[in-house]
């Protein structure tokens, strides 16, 4: 268990104090395994949310850059002198 193997079970073959201790140890290990599994699932969920939000922010940034380019182009076009048409 010290190496992280939470599937290890202590044999609880008797009803004496050692058997009760073994049963308690096994319950504690089960609870720890459930908690660890829950934390791992939360971590995976959070990582996916971060990846999704990062993708959304990158798309928004790309759109902002495109809008800024178009705005700059519009300003340049408005500032340039217009040519009169030759008849």
Protein backbone atom coordinates (compact mmCIF):
# COMPACT_ATOMS: atom_id res chain seq x y z
CA UNK A 1 0.00 0.00 0.00
CA UNK A 2 2.90 2.37 0.65
CA UNK A 3 3.68 2.24 -3.07
CA UNK A 4 0.13 3.28 -3.97
CA UNK A 5 -1.45 -0.15 -4.46
CA UNK A 6 -4.89 0.45 -2.95
CA UNK A 7 -6.19 -2.93 -4.07
CA UNK A 8 -4.21 -4.73 -1.37
CA UNK A 9 -6.39 -6.40 1.26
CA UNK A 10 -5.30 -7.54 4.70
CA UNK A 11 -6.70 -11.01 5.45
CA UNK A 12 -9.23 -10.69 8.28
CA UNK A 13 -9.54 -14.34 9.20
CA UNK A 14 -10.49 -13.93 12.84
CA UNK A 15 -12.92 -11.94 14.97
CA UNK A 16 -10.32 -10.90 17.55
CA UNK A 17 -8.62 -7.52 17.77
CA UNK A 18 -6.27 -8.29 14.89
CA UNK A 19 -9.21 -9.33 12.72
CA UNK A 20 -11.05 -6.13 13.59
CA UNK A 21 -7.92 -4.11 12.87
CA UNK A 22 -7.55 -5.84 9.50
CA UNK A 23 -11.21 -5.16 8.65
CA UNK A 24 -10.80 -1.49 9.63
CA UNK A 25 -7.65 -1.24 7.55
CA UNK A 26 -9.47 -2.71 4.55
CA UNK A 27 -12.38 -0.25 4.96
CA UNK A 28 -9.92 2.63 5.22
CA UNK A 29 -8.17 1.43 2.05
CA UNK A 30 -11.51 1.18 0.22
CA UNK A 31 -12.48 4.72 1.26
CA UNK A 32 -9.08 6.04 0.23
CA UNK A 33 -9.36 4.31 -3.16
CA UNK A 34 -12.84 5.81 -3.74
CA UNK A 35 -11.60 9.27 -2.76
CA UNK A 36 -8.56 8.92 -5.01
CA UNK A 37 -10.72 7.78 -7.92
CA UNK A 38 -13.02 10.75 -7.33
CA UNK A 39 -10.11 13.20 -7.32
CA UNK A 40 -8.71 11.70 -10.50
CA UNK A 41 -12.09 12.08 -12.22
CA UNK A 42 -12.35 15.70 -11.03
CA UNK A 43 -8.86 16.33 -12.38
CA UNK A 44 -9.78 14.88 -15.78
CA UNK A 45 -12.98 16.96 -15.85
CA UNK A 46 -11.10 20.12 -14.91
CA UNK A 47 -8.41 19.47 -17.52
CA UNK A 48 -11.11 19.09 -20.19
CA UNK A 49 -12.82 22.31 -19.08
CA UNK A 50 -9.49 24.15 -19.26
CA UNK A 51 -8.82 22.76 -22.74
CA UNK A 52 -12.31 23.74 -23.93
CA UNK A 53 -12.04 27.26 -22.50
CA UNK A 54 -8.55 27.69 -23.96
CA UNK A 55 -9.92 26.76 -27.38
CA UNK A 56 -12.76 29.27 -26.98
CA UNK A 57 -10.34 32.02 -25.95
CA UNK A 58 -8.02 31.28 -28.87
CA UNK A 59 -10.96 31.51 -31.28
CA UNK A 60 -12.04 34.81 -29.73
CA UNK A 61 -8.48 36.15 -29.96
CA UNK A 62 -8.26 35.14 -33.62
CA UNK A 63 -11.56 36.93 -34.29
CA UNK A 64 -10.35 40.06 -32.49
CA UNK A 65 -7.14 40.10 -34.51
CA UNK A 66 -9.11 39.73 -37.73
CA UNK A 67 -11.46 42.54 -36.71
CA UNK A 68 -8.51 44.79 -35.87
CA UNK A 69 -6.94 44.12 -39.26
CA UNK A 70 -10.19 44.92 -41.04
CA UNK A 71 -10.61 48.08 -38.97
CA UNK A 72 -7.07 49.20 -39.81
CA UNK A 73 -7.70 48.53 -43.49
CA UNK A 74 -10.91 50.57 -43.33
CA UNK A 75 -9.10 53.46 -41.66
CA UNK A 76 -6.35 53.38 -44.29
CA UNK A 77 -8.90 53.37 -47.08
CA UNK A 78 -10.77 56.29 -45.53
CA UNK A 79 -7.58 58.30 -45.03
CA UNK A 80 -6.23 57.84 -48.56
CA UNK A 81 -7.12 60.56 -51.06
CA UNK A 82 -9.77 59.58 -53.53
CA UNK A 83 -9.06 59.78 -57.22
CA UNK A 84 -11.43 61.57 -59.46
CA UNK A 85 -12.63 59.56 -62.35
CA UNK A 86 -11.28 60.53 -65.76
CA UNK A 87 -13.89 61.18 -68.42
